[in-house]
Amino acid sequence: MPLLRAIIGIAWIIVLIWAFVDIYKTKNKDTGWKLIWTLVCLIPLIGVFIYYFVAHGK
């Protein structure tokens, strides 16, 4: 079970880093927009998915 927790933790960190890079590479968005999405992504596990489907979804 500790191994599963470690794998999930590492996967979450990787996805979180991807989200942060994606947020700050976005052009034509103001700083407030980026700050709000950064804070949303910090919600464990679900924040990144909210960002992906709401702000990043096309």
N, C-alpha and C. Protein backbone atom coordinates (compact mmCIF):
# COMPACT_ATOMS: atom_id res chain seq x y z
N MET A 1 0.80 -1.19 0.00
CA MET A 1 0.00 0.00 0.00
C MET A 1 0.85 1.28 0.00
N PRO A 2 1.97 1.33 0.74
CA PRO A 2 2.81 2.54 0.68
C PRO A 2 3.36 2.79 -0.71
N LEU A 3 3.62 1.73 -1.46
CA LEU A 3 4.13 1.89 -2.82
C LEU A 3 3.08 2.55 -3.71
N LEU A 4 1.84 2.15 -3.56
CA LEU A 4 0.75 2.74 -4.33
C LEU A 4 0.61 4.23 -4.01
N ARG A 5 0.71 4.57 -2.73
CA ARG A 5 0.65 5.98 -2.32
C ARG A 5 1.78 6.78 -2.94
N ALA A 6 2.96 6.21 -2.96
CA ALA A 6 4.12 6.89 -3.54
C ALA A 6 3.93 7.11 -5.03
N ILE A 7 3.42 6.11 -5.73
CA ILE A 7 3.19 6.23 -7.17
C ILE A 7 2.15 7.30 -7.46
N ILE A 8 1.08 7.31 -6.69
CA ILE A 8 0.03 8.32 -6.88
C ILE A 8 0.58 9.71 -6.56
N GLY A 9 1.38 9.83 -5.53
CA GLY A 9 1.98 11.11 -5.17
C GLY A 9 2.91 11.64 -6.25
N ILE A 10 3.73 10.78 -6.79
CA ILE A 10 4.65 11.18 -7.85
C ILE A 10 3.88 11.56 -9.10
N ALA A 11 2.85 10.79 -9.44
CA ALA A 11 2.03 11.11 -10.61
C ALA A 11 1.34 12.47 -10.44
N TRP A 12 0.84 12.75 -9.23
CA TRP A 12 0.18 14.03 -8.98
C TRP A 12 1.17 15.18 -9.12
N ILE A 13 2.39 15.02 -8.64
CA ILE A 13 3.40 16.07 -8.76
C ILE A 13 3.74 16.33 -10.22
N ILE A 14 3.86 15.27 -11.01
CA ILE A 14 4.16 15.43 -12.43
C ILE A 14 3.03 16.17 -13.14
N VAL A 15 1.79 15.78 -12.86
CA VAL A 15 0.64 16.45 -13.49
C VAL A 15 0.55 17.90 -13.02
N LEU A 16 0.84 18.15 -11.76
CA LEU A 16 0.81 19.50 -11.22
C LEU A 16 1.86 20.39 -11.90
N ILE A 17 3.05 19.88 -12.09
CA ILE A 17 4.09 20.64 -12.79
C ILE A 17 3.66 20.92 -14.22
N TRP A 18 3.08 19.91 -14.89
CA TRP A 18 2.57 20.15 -16.25
C TRP A 18 1.55 21.28 -16.27
N ALA A 19 0.63 21.27 -15.31
CA ALA A 19 -0.41 22.30 -15.25
C ALA A 19 0.21 23.68 -15.04
N PHE A 20 1.17 23.80 -14.13
CA PHE A 20 1.81 25.09 -13.88
C PHE A 20 2.53 25.60 -15.12
N VAL A 21 3.25 24.73 -15.79
CA VAL A 21 3.95 25.13 -17.01
C VAL A 21 2.93 25.57 -18.06
N ASP A 22 1.85 24.83 -18.20
CA ASP A 22 0.82 25.17 -19.17
C ASP A 22 0.15 26.50 -18.84
N ILE A 23 -0.11 26.74 -17.58
CA ILE A 23 -0.75 28.00 -17.16
C ILE A 23 0.15 29.18 -17.50
N TYR A 24 1.43 29.08 -17.18
CA TYR A 24 2.31 30.23 -17.35
C TYR A 24 2.85 30.38 -18.76
N LYS A 25 2.68 29.39 -19.62
CA LYS A 25 3.03 29.53 -21.02
C LYS A 25 1.89 30.14 -21.84
N THR A 26 0.69 30.19 -21.27
CA THR A 26 -0.47 30.70 -21.96
C THR A 26 -0.30 32.19 -22.23
N LYS A 27 -0.48 32.57 -23.47
CA LYS A 27 -0.36 33.98 -23.85
C LYS A 27 -1.74 34.62 -23.83
N ASN A 28 -1.76 35.93 -23.78
CA ASN A 28 -2.99 36.72 -23.83
C ASN A 28 -3.89 36.49 -22.63
N LYS A 29 -3.34 36.10 -21.51
CA LYS A 29 -4.11 35.96 -20.27
C LYS A 29 -3.44 36.85 -19.23
N ASP A 30 -4.25 37.51 -18.41
CA ASP A 30 -3.67 38.39 -17.40
C ASP A 30 -3.16 37.61 -16.19
N THR A 31 -2.45 38.30 -15.34
CA THR A 31 -1.83 37.68 -14.18
C THR A 31 -2.87 37.13 -13.21
N GLY A 32 -3.99 37.81 -13.06
CA GLY A 32 -5.04 37.33 -12.18
C GLY A 32 -5.57 35.99 -12.62
N TRP A 33 -5.77 35.81 -13.91
CA TRP A 33 -6.25 34.54 -14.47
C TRP A 33 -5.27 33.43 -14.13
N LYS A 34 -3.99 33.71 -14.31
CA LYS A 34 -2.97 32.70 -14.03
C LYS A 34 -2.89 32.38 -12.54
N LEU A 35 -3.02 33.39 -11.69
CA LEU A 35 -2.97 33.18 -10.25
C LEU A 35 -4.15 32.34 -9.78
N ILE A 36 -5.33 32.63 -10.28
CA ILE A 36 -6.52 31.86 -9.88
C ILE A 36 -6.37 30.40 -10.28
N TRP A 37 -5.94 30.14 -11.52
CA TRP A 37 -5.80 28.75 -11.94
C TRP A 37 -4.67 28.04 -11.20
N THR A 38 -3.63 28.78 -10.81
CA THR A 38 -2.57 28.17 -9.99
C THR A 38 -3.14 27.73 -8.66
N LEU A 39 -3.95 28.57 -8.03
CA LEU A 39 -4.56 28.21 -6.75
C LEU A 39 -5.54 27.04 -6.90
N VAL A 40 -6.31 27.03 -7.98
CA VAL A 40 -7.23 25.91 -8.21
C VAL A 40 -6.46 24.61 -8.36
N CYS A 41 -5.34 24.65 -9.06
CA CYS A 41 -4.54 23.44 -9.28
C CYS A 41 -3.94 22.90 -7.99
N LEU A 42 -3.82 23.73 -6.98
CA LEU A 42 -3.26 23.26 -5.71
C LEU A 42 -4.24 22.43 -4.90
N ILE A 43 -5.52 22.39 -5.30
CA ILE A 43 -6.48 21.52 -4.64
C ILE A 43 -6.07 20.08 -4.97
N PRO A 44 -5.76 19.29 -3.96
CA PRO A 44 -5.22 17.95 -4.24
C PRO A 44 -6.11 17.12 -5.18
N LEU A 45 -5.46 16.58 -6.17
CA LEU A 45 -6.00 15.66 -7.17
C LEU A 45 -7.07 16.25 -8.09
N ILE A 46 -8.05 16.93 -7.59
CA ILE A 46 -9.14 17.38 -8.44
C ILE A 46 -8.87 18.72 -9.12
N GLY A 47 -8.01 19.55 -8.54
CA GLY A 47 -7.76 20.88 -9.08
C GLY A 47 -7.20 20.86 -10.49
N VAL A 48 -6.26 19.97 -10.74
CA VAL A 48 -5.66 19.87 -12.08
C VAL A 48 -6.70 19.41 -13.09
N PHE A 49 -7.56 18.50 -12.70
CA PHE A 49 -8.59 18.03 -13.61
C PHE A 49 -9.60 19.13 -13.91
N ILE A 50 -9.93 19.93 -12.92
CA ILE A 50 -10.82 21.08 -13.15
C ILE A 50 -10.17 22.02 -14.16
N TYR A 51 -8.90 22.32 -13.97
CA TYR A 51 -8.18 23.19 -14.91
C TYR A 51 -8.21 22.60 -16.32
N TYR A 52 -7.89 21.33 -16.42
CA TYR A 52 -7.81 20.71 -17.75
C TYR A 52 -9.15 20.75 -18.48
N PHE A 53 -10.21 20.42 -17.80
CA PHE A 53 -11.50 20.34 -18.47
C PHE A 53 -12.19 21.69 -18.64
N VAL A 54 -11.91 22.66 -17.78
CA VAL A 54 -12.59 23.95 -17.88
C VAL A 54 -11.77 24.95 -18.68
N ALA A 55 -10.53 25.19 -18.29
CA ALA A 55 -9.73 26.23 -18.92
C ALA A 55 -8.95 25.72 -20.13
N HIS A 56 -8.53 24.50 -20.08
CA HIS A 56 -7.69 23.97 -21.14
C HIS A 56 -8.52 23.21 -22.19
N GLY A 57 -9.68 22.75 -21.81
CA GLY A 57 -10.51 21.98 -22.73
C GLY A 57 -10.91 22.79 -23.95
N LYS A 58 -10.89 22.13 -25.08
CA LYS A 58 -11.19 22.82 -26.33
C LYS A 58 -12.35 22.19 -27.02
